[in-house]
Amino acid sequence: MVLPLLLLALPSFGSGVVSEVIVIGLIALVLFIVMKVARLFLRLVFGIIMNSILGVMLLFILNYLFGLGVVLTWAVFIPIAIFGLPATGTIVLLKVLGAAV
C-alpha cells in the first residue's frame, strides 16, 4: 500500500528530460576535450616561445661575455626564432670554427 503512494510522489521523467540530460552531458564532454586540446596547444606554443627567447638572450650574453662578434641579422635571427637554443649553439659553434656568420 505504501509503494503506490510513493510512486505517485515521484516526478515522471519524460523523453524531454532524458534528451536534455544527454545533450548537457555531450556539451560537457566536448568542452572538456576542447579545454584539454587548448591546454596542450598553449603549453607547446609557450615552450617554443620560451626556447626562442632564451636562444636570443644566450646569443646576446655570449656576444657580450666572449666577444664572438655574431651580428643579429635576419639570417641569424630566423633560425634562432624557429629552433631556439639548438640554433644558437649551432651558430656559436660555426662562428668559433671560423665560418662567416
PDB file of N, CA and C in Angstrom:
ATOM      1  N   MET A   1       0.812  -1.191   0.000  1.00  0.00           N
ATOM      2  CA  MET A   1       0.000   0.000   0.000  1.00  0.00           C
ATOM      3  C   MET A   1       0.863   1.266   0.000  1.00  0.00           C
ATOM      4  N   VAL A   2       2.031   1.201   0.603  1.00  0.00           N
ATOM      5  CA  VAL A   2       2.909   2.354   0.672  1.00  0.00           C
ATOM      6  C   VAL A   2       3.594   2.590  -0.680  1.00  0.00           C
ATOM      7  N   LEU A   3       3.889   1.534  -1.383  1.00  0.00           N
ATOM      8  CA  LEU A   3       4.598   1.652  -2.652  1.00  0.00           C
ATOM      9  C   LEU A   3       3.820   2.452  -3.701  1.00  0.00           C
ATOM     10  N   PRO A   4       2.545   2.232  -3.925  1.00  0.00           N
ATOM     11  CA  PRO A   4       1.842   3.070  -4.915  1.00  0.00           C
ATOM     12  C   PRO A   4       1.794   4.537  -4.517  1.00  0.00           C
ATOM     13  N   LEU A   5       1.702   4.833  -3.236  1.00  0.00           N
ATOM     14  CA  LEU A   5       1.706   6.232  -2.805  1.00  0.00           C
ATOM     15  C   LEU A   5       3.076   6.865  -3.042  1.00  0.00           C
ATOM     16  N   LEU A   6       4.116   6.085  -2.850  1.00  0.00           N
ATOM     17  CA  LEU A   6       5.460   6.582  -3.084  1.00  0.00           C
ATOM     18  C   LEU A   6       5.686   6.850  -4.568  1.00  0.00           C
ATOM     19  N   LEU A   7       5.161   6.004  -5.435  1.00  0.00           N
ATOM     20  CA  LEU A   7       5.299   6.211  -6.869  1.00  0.00           C
ATOM     21  C   LEU A   7       4.545   7.442  -7.345  1.00  0.00           C
ATOM     22  N   LEU A   8       3.456   7.781  -6.680  1.00  0.00           N
ATOM     23  CA  LEU A   8       2.727   8.985  -7.047  1.00  0.00           C
ATOM     24  C   LEU A   8       3.514  10.240  -6.700  1.00  0.00           C
ATOM     25  N   ALA A   9       4.365  10.175  -5.684  1.00  0.00           N
ATOM     26  CA  ALA A   9       5.122  11.341  -5.258  1.00  0.00           C
ATOM     27  C   ALA A   9       6.326  11.608  -6.161  1.00  0.00           C
ATOM     28  N   LEU A  10       6.803  10.588  -6.882  1.00  0.00           N
ATOM     29  CA  LEU A  10       7.952  10.777  -7.752  1.00  0.00           C
ATOM     30  C   LEU A  10       7.547  11.470  -9.048  1.00  0.00           C
ATOM     31  N   PRO A  11       8.353  12.398  -9.510  1.00  0.00           N
ATOM     32  CA  PRO A  11       8.025  13.046 -10.785  1.00  0.00           C
ATOM     33  C   PRO A  11       8.257  12.073 -11.935  1.00  0.00           C
ATOM     34  N   SER A  12       7.514  12.254 -12.979  1.00  0.00           N
ATOM     35  CA  SER A  12       7.693  11.382 -14.136  1.00  0.00           C
ATOM     36  C   SER A  12       8.745  12.002 -15.058  1.00  0.00           C
ATOM     37  N   PHE A  13       9.706  11.187 -15.420  1.00  0.00           N
ATOM     38  CA  PHE A  13      10.743  11.649 -16.329  1.00  0.00           C
ATOM     39  C   PHE A  13      10.337  11.268 -17.737  1.00  0.00           C
ATOM     40  N   GLY A  14      10.042  12.286 -18.535  1.00  0.00           N
ATOM     41  CA  GLY A  14       9.656  12.040 -19.916  1.00  0.00           C
ATOM     42  C   GLY A  14      10.887  12.006 -20.804  1.00  0.00           C
ATOM     43  N   SER A  15      10.658  11.824 -22.064  1.00  0.00           N
ATOM     44  CA  SER A  15      11.773  11.750 -23.003  1.00  0.00           C
ATOM     45  C   SER A  15      12.462  13.102 -23.152  1.00  0.00           C
ATOM     46  N   GLY A  16      11.768  14.213 -22.864  1.00  0.00           N
ATOM     47  CA  GLY A  16      12.370  15.542 -22.970  1.00  0.00           C
ATOM     48  C   GLY A  16      13.469  15.741 -21.953  1.00  0.00           C
ATOM     49  N   VAL A  17      13.254  15.291 -20.732  1.00  0.00           N
ATOM     50  CA  VAL A  17      14.247  15.467 -19.688  1.00  0.00           C
ATOM     51  C   VAL A  17      15.464  14.585 -19.963  1.00  0.00           C
ATOM     52  N   VAL A  18      15.238  13.379 -20.407  1.00  0.00           N
ATOM     53  CA  VAL A  18      16.344  12.474 -20.695  1.00  0.00           C
ATOM     54  C   VAL A  18      17.183  13.020 -21.846  1.00  0.00           C
ATOM     55  N   SER A  19      16.540  13.524 -22.877  1.00  0.00           N
ATOM     56  CA  SER A  19      17.300  14.065 -24.004  1.00  0.00           C
ATOM     57  C   SER A  19      18.065  15.327 -23.597  1.00  0.00           C
ATOM     58  N   GLU A  20      17.501  16.122 -22.699  1.00  0.00           N
ATOM     59  CA  GLU A  20      18.210  17.309 -22.215  1.00  0.00           C
ATOM     60  C   GLU A  20      19.445  16.913 -21.415  1.00  0.00           C
ATOM     61  N   VAL A  21      19.324  15.888 -20.607  1.00  0.00           N
ATOM     62  CA  VAL A  21      20.467  15.421 -19.829  1.00  0.00           C
ATOM     63  C   VAL A  21      21.549  14.879 -20.761  1.00  0.00           C
ATOM     64  N   ILE A  22      21.172  14.180 -21.809  1.00  0.00           N
ATOM     65  CA  ILE A  22      22.140  13.654 -22.772  1.00  0.00           C
ATOM     66  C   ILE A  22      22.837  14.791 -23.502  1.00  0.00           C
ATOM     67  N   VAL A  23      22.074  15.806 -23.902  1.00  0.00           N
ATOM     68  CA  VAL A  23      22.671  16.949 -24.608  1.00  0.00           C
ATOM     69  C   VAL A  23      23.623  17.696 -23.683  1.00  0.00           C
ATOM     70  N   ILE A  24      23.243  17.909 -22.435  1.00  0.00           N
ATOM     71  CA  ILE A  24      24.113  18.602 -21.482  1.00  0.00           C
ATOM     72  C   ILE A  24      25.378  17.779 -21.239  1.00  0.00           C
ATOM     73  N   GLY A  25      25.249  16.478 -21.149  1.00  0.00           N
ATOM     74  CA  GLY A  25      26.417  15.620 -20.974  1.00  0.00           C
ATOM     75  C   GLY A  25      27.347  15.674 -22.170  1.00  0.00           C
ATOM     76  N   LEU A  26      26.782  15.677 -23.379  1.00  0.00           N
ATOM     77  CA  LEU A  26      27.614  15.768 -24.582  1.00  0.00           C
ATOM     78  C   LEU A  26      28.320  17.123 -24.674  1.00  0.00           C
ATOM     79  N   ILE A  27      27.613  18.186 -24.311  1.00  0.00           N
ATOM     80  CA  ILE A  27      28.238  19.513 -24.311  1.00  0.00           C
ATOM     81  C   ILE A  27      29.379  19.555 -23.311  1.00  0.00           C
ATOM     82  N   ALA A  28      29.190  18.983 -22.136  1.00  0.00           N
ATOM     83  CA  ALA A  28      30.245  18.946 -21.125  1.00  0.00           C
ATOM     84  C   ALA A  28      31.443  18.140 -21.624  1.00  0.00           C
ATOM     85  N   LEU A  29      31.181  17.032 -22.293  1.00  0.00           N
ATOM     86  CA  LEU A  29      32.267  16.208 -22.836  1.00  0.00           C
ATOM     87  C   LEU A  29      33.045  16.955 -23.917  1.00  0.00           C
ATOM     88  N   VAL A  30      32.342  17.635 -24.811  1.00  0.00           N
ATOM     89  CA  VAL A  30      33.006  18.403 -25.871  1.00  0.00           C
ATOM     90  C   VAL A  30      33.832  19.539 -25.271  1.00  0.00           C
ATOM     91  N   LEU A  31      33.288  20.239 -24.286  1.00  0.00           N
ATOM     92  CA  LEU A  31      34.044  21.315 -23.636  1.00  0.00           C
ATOM     93  C   LEU A  31      35.285  20.777 -22.940  1.00  0.00           C
ATOM     94  N   PHE A  32      35.171  19.623 -22.316  1.00  0.00           N
ATOM     95  CA  PHE A  32      36.313  19.006 -21.652  1.00  0.00           C
ATOM     96  C   PHE A  32      37.411  18.683 -22.667  1.00  0.00           C
ATOM     97  N   ILE A  33      37.037  18.109 -23.794  1.00  0.00           N
ATOM     98  CA  ILE A  33      38.013  17.757 -24.821  1.00  0.00           C
ATOM     99  C   ILE A  33      38.650  19.017 -25.419  1.00  0.00           C
ATOM    100  N   VAL A  34      37.838  20.039 -25.677  1.00  0.00           N
ATOM    101  CA  VAL A  34      38.366  21.294 -26.229  1.00  0.00           C
ATOM    102  C   VAL A  34      39.354  21.933 -25.254  1.00  0.00           C
ATOM    103  N   MET A  35      39.046  21.923 -23.971  1.00  0.00           N
ATOM    104  CA  MET A  35      39.948  22.514 -22.981  1.00  0.00           C
ATOM    105  C   MET A  35      41.256  21.733 -22.881  1.00  0.00           C
ATOM    106  N   LYS A  36      41.196  20.411 -22.976  1.00  0.00           N
ATOM    107  CA  LYS A  36      42.421  19.606 -22.940  1.00  0.00           C
ATOM    108  C   LYS A  36      43.305  19.899 -24.157  1.00  0.00           C
ATOM    109  N   VAL A  37      42.700  19.978 -25.342  1.00  0.00           N
ATOM    110  CA  VAL A  37      43.454  20.265 -26.554  1.00  0.00           C
ATOM    111  C   VAL A  37      44.030  21.678 -26.496  1.00  0.00           C
ATOM    112  N   ALA A  38      43.254  22.643 -26.015  1.00  0.00           N
ATOM    113  CA  ALA A  38      43.729  24.024 -25.911  1.00  0.00           C
ATOM    114  C   ALA A  38      44.893  24.117 -24.927  1.00  0.00           C
ATOM    115  N   ARG A  39      44.799  23.391 -23.829  1.00  0.00           N
ATOM    116  CA  ARG A  39      45.877  23.410 -22.844  1.00  0.00           C
ATOM    117  C   ARG A  39      47.159  22.825 -23.437  1.00  0.00           C
ATOM    118  N   LEU A  40      47.041  21.732 -24.158  1.00  0.00           N
ATOM    119  CA  LEU A  40      48.200  21.119 -24.800  1.00  0.00           C
ATOM    120  C   LEU A  40      48.806  22.060 -25.835  1.00  0.00           C
ATOM    121  N   PHE A  41      47.962  22.709 -26.625  1.00  0.00           N
ATOM    122  CA  PHE A  41      48.424  23.647 -27.644  1.00  0.00           C
ATOM    123  C   PHE A  41      49.151  24.834 -27.002  1.00  0.00           C
ATOM    124  N   LEU A  42      48.575  25.387 -25.924  1.00  0.00           N
ATOM    125  CA  LEU A  42      49.201  26.534 -25.272  1.00  0.00           C
ATOM    126  C   LEU A  42      50.525  26.160 -24.627  1.00  0.00           C
ATOM    127  N   ARG A  43      50.622  24.954 -24.070  1.00  0.00           N
ATOM    128  CA  ARG A  43      51.891  24.514 -23.496  1.00  0.00           C
ATOM    129  C   ARG A  43      52.948  24.397 -24.586  1.00  0.00           C
ATOM    130  N   LEU A  44      52.580  23.873 -25.731  1.00  0.00           N
ATOM    131  CA  LEU A  44      53.513  23.727 -26.839  1.00  0.00           C
ATOM    132  C   LEU A  44      53.972  25.092 -27.350  1.00  0.00           C
ATOM    133  N   VAL A  45      53.029  25.992 -27.558  1.00  0.00           N
ATOM    134  CA  VAL A  45      53.361  27.332 -28.061  1.00  0.00           C
ATOM    135  C   VAL A  45      54.218  28.076 -27.039  1.00  0.00           C
ATOM    136  N   PHE A  46      53.872  27.973 -25.750  1.00  0.00           N
ATOM    137  CA  PHE A  46      54.654  28.644 -24.715  1.00  0.00           C
ATOM    138  C   PHE A  46      56.078  28.097 -24.678  1.00  0.00           C
ATOM    139  N   GLY A  47      56.228  26.801 -24.838  1.00  0.00           N
ATOM    140  CA  GLY A  47      57.562  26.208 -24.851  1.00  0.00           C
ATOM    141  C   GLY A  47      58.398  26.682 -26.020  1.00  0.00           C
ATOM    142  N   ILE A  48      57.791  26.777 -27.190  1.00  0.00           N
ATOM    143  CA  ILE A  48      58.510  27.254 -28.372  1.00  0.00           C
ATOM    144  C   ILE A  48      58.922  28.709 -28.203  1.00  0.00           C
ATOM    145  N   ILE A  49      58.011  29.535 -27.683  1.00  0.00           N
ATOM    146  CA  ILE A  49      58.321  30.952 -27.480  1.00  0.00           C
ATOM    147  C   ILE A  49      59.438  31.120 -26.461  1.00  0.00           C
ATOM    148  N   MET A  50      59.388  30.386 -25.360  1.00  0.00           N
ATOM    149  CA  MET A  50      60.431  30.488 -24.342  1.00  0.00           C
ATOM    150  C   MET A  50      61.775  30.013 -24.887  1.00  0.00           C
ATOM    151  N   ASN A  51      61.779  28.957 -25.679  1.00  0.00           N
ATOM    152  CA  ASN A  51      63.007  28.455 -26.275  1.00  0.00           C
ATOM    153  C   ASN A  51      63.616  29.507 -27.208  1.00  0.00           C
ATOM    154  N   SER A  52      62.783  30.187 -27.965  1.00  0.00           N
ATOM    155  CA  SER A  52      63.274  31.227 -28.874  1.00  0.00           C
ATOM    156  C   SER A  52      63.835  32.415 -28.099  1.00  0.00           C
ATOM    157  N   ILE A  53      63.134  32.837 -27.067  1.00  0.00           N
ATOM    158  CA  ILE A  53      63.606  33.976 -26.265  1.00  0.00           C
ATOM    159  C   ILE A  53      64.928  33.635 -25.580  1.00  0.00           C
ATOM    160  N   LEU A  54      65.010  32.427 -25.027  1.00  0.00           N
ATOM    161  CA  LEU A  54      66.259  32.013 -24.379  1.00  0.00           C
ATOM    162  C   LEU A  54      67.406  31.921 -25.386  1.00  0.00           C
ATOM    163  N   GLY A  55      67.121  31.500 -26.605  1.00  0.00           N
ATOM    164  CA  GLY A  55      68.154  31.433 -27.632  1.00  0.00           C
ATOM    165  C   GLY A  55      68.713  32.801 -27.977  1.00  0.00           C
ATOM    166  N   VAL A  56      67.839  33.788 -28.141  1.00  0.00           N
ATOM    167  CA  VAL A  56      68.297  35.152 -28.453  1.00  0.00           C
ATOM    168  C   VAL A  56      69.055  35.736 -27.269  1.00  0.00           C
ATOM    169  N   MET A  57      68.543  35.510 -26.058  1.00  0.00           N
ATOM    170  CA  MET A  57      69.234  36.023 -24.870  1.00  0.00           C
ATOM    171  C   MET A  57      70.617  35.397 -24.719  1.00  0.00           C
ATOM    172  N   LEU A  58      70.726  34.090 -24.975  1.00  0.00           N
ATOM    173  CA  LEU A  58      72.015  33.422 -24.873  1.00  0.00           C
ATOM    174  C   LEU A  58      72.994  33.973 -25.902  1.00  0.00           C
ATOM    175  N   LEU A  59      72.520  34.266 -27.098  1.00  0.00           N
ATOM    176  CA  LEU A  59      73.399  34.834 -28.117  1.00  0.00           C
ATOM    177  C   LEU A  59      73.932  36.197 -27.680  1.00  0.00           C
ATOM    178  N   PHE A  60      73.044  37.035 -27.108  1.00  0.00           N
ATOM    179  CA  PHE A  60      73.493  38.340 -26.621  1.00  0.00           C
ATOM    180  C   PHE A  60      74.497  38.196 -25.482  1.00  0.00           C
ATOM    181  N   ILE A  61      74.232  37.264 -24.559  1.00  0.00           N
ATOM    182  CA  ILE A  61      75.137  37.061 -23.420  1.00  0.00           C
ATOM    183  C   ILE A  61      76.498  36.553 -23.897  1.00  0.00           C
ATOM    184  N   LEU A  62      76.491  35.580 -24.813  1.00  0.00           N
ATOM    185  CA  LEU A  62      77.765  35.059 -25.323  1.00  0.00           C
ATOM    186  C   LEU A  62      78.522  36.109 -26.116  1.00  0.00           C
ATOM    187  N   ASN A  63      77.812  36.943 -26.865  1.00  0.00           N
ATOM    188  CA  ASN A  63      78.470  38.039 -27.582  1.00  0.00           C
ATOM    189  C   ASN A  63      79.101  39.022 -26.606  1.00  0.00           C
ATOM    190  N   TYR A  64      78.399  39.299 -25.512  1.00  0.00           N
ATOM    191  CA  TYR A  64      78.901  40.272 -24.532  1.00  0.00           C
ATOM    192  C   TYR A  64      80.077  39.702 -23.745  1.00  0.00           C
ATOM    193  N   LEU A  65      79.948  38.468 -23.275  1.00  0.00           N
ATOM    194  CA  LEU A  65      80.991  37.892 -22.419  1.00  0.00           C
ATOM    195  C   LEU A  65      82.248  37.497 -23.198  1.00  0.00           C
ATOM    196  N   PHE A  66      82.075  36.873 -24.344  1.00  0.00           N
ATOM    197  CA  PHE A  66      83.214  36.342 -25.071  1.00  0.00           C
ATOM    198  C   PHE A  66      83.567  37.127 -26.324  1.00  0.00           C
ATOM    199  N   GLY A  67      82.781  38.135 -26.666  1.00  0.00           N
ATOM    200  CA  GLY A  67      83.071  38.960 -27.836  1.00  0.00           C
ATOM    201  C   GLY A  67      83.121  38.153 -29.126  1.00  0.00           C
ATOM    202  N   LEU A  68      82.127  37.326 -29.348  1.00  0.00           N
ATOM    203  CA  LEU A  68      82.113  36.465 -30.528  1.00  0.00           C
ATOM    204  C   LEU A  68      81.979  37.253 -31.824  1.00  0.00           C
ATOM    205  N   GLY A  69      81.272  38.334 -31.786  1.00  0.00           N
ATOM    206  CA  GLY A  69      81.095  39.142 -32.988  1.00  0.00           C
ATOM    207  C   GLY A  69      79.998  38.633 -33.906  1.00  0.00           C
ATOM    208  N   VAL A  70      79.055  37.879 -33.356  1.00  0.00           N
ATOM    209  CA  VAL A  70      77.924  37.413 -34.168  1.00  0.00           C
ATOM    210  C   VAL A  70      76.919  38.561 -34.246  1.00  0.00           C
ATOM    211  N   VAL A  71      76.674  39.039 -35.456  1.00  0.00           N
ATOM    212  CA  VAL A  71      75.735  40.135 -35.667  1.00  0.00           C
ATOM    213  C   VAL A  71      74.341  39.543 -35.832  1.00  0.00           C
ATOM    214  N   LEU A  72      73.369  40.126 -35.160  1.00  0.00           N
ATOM    215  CA  LEU A  72      71.998  39.608 -35.212  1.00  0.00           C
ATOM    216  C   LEU A  72      71.307  40.137 -36.471  1.00  0.00           C
ATOM    217  N   THR A  73      71.445  39.387 -37.554  1.00  0.00           N
ATOM    218  CA  THR A  73      70.774  39.708 -38.802  1.00  0.00           C
ATOM    219  C   THR A  73      69.592  38.755 -38.971  1.00  0.00           C
ATOM    220  N   TRP A  74      68.838  38.924 -40.050  1.00  0.00           N
ATOM    221  CA  TRP A  74      67.705  38.040 -40.299  1.00  0.00           C
ATOM    222  C   TRP A  74      68.161  36.608 -40.523  1.00  0.00           C
ATOM    223  N   ALA A  75      69.315  36.442 -41.139  1.00  0.00           N
ATOM    224  CA  ALA A  75      69.836  35.098 -41.392  1.00  0.00           C
ATOM    225  C   ALA A  75      70.215  34.382 -40.102  1.00  0.00           C
ATOM    226  N   VAL A  76      70.495  35.132 -39.058  1.00  0.00           N
ATOM    227  CA  VAL A  76      70.801  34.552 -37.749  1.00  0.00           C
ATOM    228  C   VAL A  76      69.538  34.477 -36.898  1.00  0.00           C
ATOM    229  N   PHE A  77      68.716  35.509 -36.974  1.00  0.00           N
ATOM    230  CA  PHE A  77      67.542  35.594 -36.093  1.00  0.00           C
ATOM    231  C   PHE A  77      66.469  34.561 -36.432  1.00  0.00           C
ATOM    232  N   ILE A  78      66.222  34.323 -37.710  1.00  0.00           N
ATOM    233  CA  ILE A  78      65.141  33.395 -38.092  1.00  0.00           C
ATOM    234  C   ILE A  78      65.405  31.971 -37.612  1.00  0.00           C
ATOM    235  N   PRO A  79      66.609  31.399 -37.792  1.00  0.00           N
ATOM    236  CA  PRO A  79      66.816  30.058 -37.223  1.00  0.00           C
ATOM    237  C   PRO A  79      66.708  30.024 -35.704  1.00  0.00           C
ATOM    238  N   ILE A  80      67.179  31.088 -35.044  1.00  0.00           N
ATOM    239  CA  ILE A  80      67.065  31.123 -33.579  1.00  0.00           C
ATOM    240  C   ILE A  80      65.607  31.243 -33.169  1.00  0.00           C
ATOM    241  N   ALA A  81      64.818  32.019 -33.898  1.00  0.00           N
ATOM    242  CA  ALA A  81      63.400  32.166 -33.568  1.00  0.00           C
ATOM    243  C   ALA A  81      62.642  30.862 -33.797  1.00  0.00           C
ATOM    244  N   ILE A  82      63.053  30.079 -34.771  1.00  0.00           N
ATOM    245  CA  ILE A  82      62.353  28.827 -35.056  1.00  0.00           C
ATOM    246  C   ILE A  82      62.839  27.698 -34.152  1.00  0.00           C
ATOM    247  N   PHE A  83      64.168  27.546 -34.028  1.00  0.00           N
ATOM    248  CA  PHE A  83      64.717  26.388 -33.318  1.00  0.00           C
ATOM    249  C   PHE A  83      65.236  26.696 -31.917  1.00  0.00           C
ATOM    250  N   GLY A  84      65.432  27.972 -31.580  1.00  0.00           N
ATOM    251  CA  GLY A  84      65.800  28.350 -30.224  1.00  0.00           C
ATOM    252  C   GLY A  84      67.240  28.037 -29.855  1.00  0.00           C
ATOM    253  N   LEU A  85      67.398  27.392 -28.700  1.00  0.00           N
ATOM    254  CA  LEU A  85      68.730  27.123 -28.161  1.00  0.00           C
ATOM    255  C   LEU A  85      69.614  26.247 -29.055  1.00  0.00           C
ATOM    256  N   PRO A  86      69.088  25.204 -29.700  1.00  0.00           N
ATOM    257  CA  PRO A  86      69.973  24.437 -30.593  1.00  0.00           C
ATOM    258  C   PRO A  86      70.524  25.275 -31.751  1.00  0.00           C
ATOM    259  N   ALA A  87      69.730  26.191 -32.281  1.00  0.00           N
ATOM    260  CA  ALA A  87      70.215  27.060 -33.361  1.00  0.00           C
ATOM    261  C   ALA A  87      71.275  28.013 -32.841  1.00  0.00           C
ATOM    262  N   THR A  88      71.090  28.514 -31.618  1.00  0.00           N
ATOM    263  CA  THR A  88      72.105  29.388 -31.031  1.00  0.00           C
ATOM    264  C   THR A  88      73.417  28.638 -30.864  1.00  0.00           C
ATOM    265  N   GLY A  89      73.332  27.411 -30.363  1.00  0.00           N
ATOM    266  CA  GLY A  89      74.541  26.608 -30.214  1.00  0.00           C
ATOM    267  C   GLY A  89      75.219  26.342 -31.540  1.00  0.00           C
ATOM    268  N   THR A  90      74.437  26.065 -32.564  1.00  0.00           N
ATOM    269  CA  THR A  90      75.000  25.810 -33.890  1.00  0.00           C
ATOM    270  C   THR A  90      75.663  27.059 -34.455  1.00  0.00           C
ATOM    271  N   ILE A  91      75.039  28.208 -34.300  1.00  0.00           N
ATOM    272  CA  ILE A  91      75.604  29.456 -34.824  1.00  0.00           C
ATOM    273  C   ILE A  91      76.890  29.816 -34.084  1.00  0.00           C
ATOM    274  N   VAL A  92      76.894  29.636 -32.774  1.00  0.00           N
ATOM    275  CA  VAL A  92      78.107  29.915 -31.998  1.00  0.00           C
ATOM    276  C   VAL A  92      79.214  28.940 -32.400  1.00  0.00           C
ATOM    277  N   LEU A  93      78.867  27.673 -32.572  1.00  0.00           N
ATOM    278  CA  LEU A  93      79.861  26.681 -32.987  1.00  0.00           C
ATOM    279  C   LEU A  93      80.431  27.013 -34.367  1.00  0.00           C
ATOM    280  N   LEU A  94      79.570  27.418 -35.283  1.00  0.00           N
ATOM    281  CA  LEU A  94      80.050  27.817 -36.616  1.00  0.00           C
ATOM    282  C   LEU A  94      80.982  29.021 -36.519  1.00  0.00           C
ATOM    283  N   LYS A  95      80.648  29.975 -35.662  1.00  0.00           N
ATOM    284  CA  LYS A  95      81.477  31.168 -35.512  1.00  0.00           C
ATOM    285  C   LYS A  95      82.840  30.810 -34.904  1.00  0.00           C
ATOM    286  N   VAL A  96      82.828  29.927 -33.905  1.00  0.00           N
ATOM    287  CA  VAL A  96      84.074  29.511 -33.268  1.00  0.00           C
ATOM    288  C   VAL A  96      84.970  28.750 -34.235  1.00  0.00           C
ATOM    289  N   LEU A  97      84.345  27.935 -35.115  1.00  0.00           N
ATOM    290  CA  LEU A  97      85.122  27.157 -36.086  1.00  0.00           C
ATOM    291  C   LEU A  97      85.581  27.979 -37.285  1.00  0.00           C
ATOM    292  N   GLY A  98      85.146  29.235 -37.355  1.00  0.00           N
ATOM    293  CA  GLY A  98      85.666  30.124 -38.388  1.00  0.00           C
ATOM    294  C   GLY A  98      84.743  30.373 -39.558  1.00  0.00           C
ATOM    295  N   ALA A  99      83.497  29.911 -39.504  1.00  0.00           N
ATOM    296  CA  ALA A  99      82.566  30.167 -40.598  1.00  0.00           C
ATOM    297  C   ALA A  99      82.097  31.620 -40.528  1.00  0.00           C
ATOM    298  N   ALA A 100      81.750  32.173 -41.675  1.00  0.00           N
ATOM    299  CA  ALA A 100      81.274  33.545 -41.738  1.00  0.00           C
ATOM    300  C   ALA A 100      79.785  33.573 -41.345  1.00  0.00           C
ATOM    301  N   VAL A 101      79.531  33.987 -40.127  1.00  0.00           N
ATOM    302  CA  VAL A 101      78.158  34.028 -39.634  1.00  0.00           C
ATOM    303  C   VAL A 101      77.759  35.465 -39.434  1.00  0.00           C
TER     304      VAL A 101
END
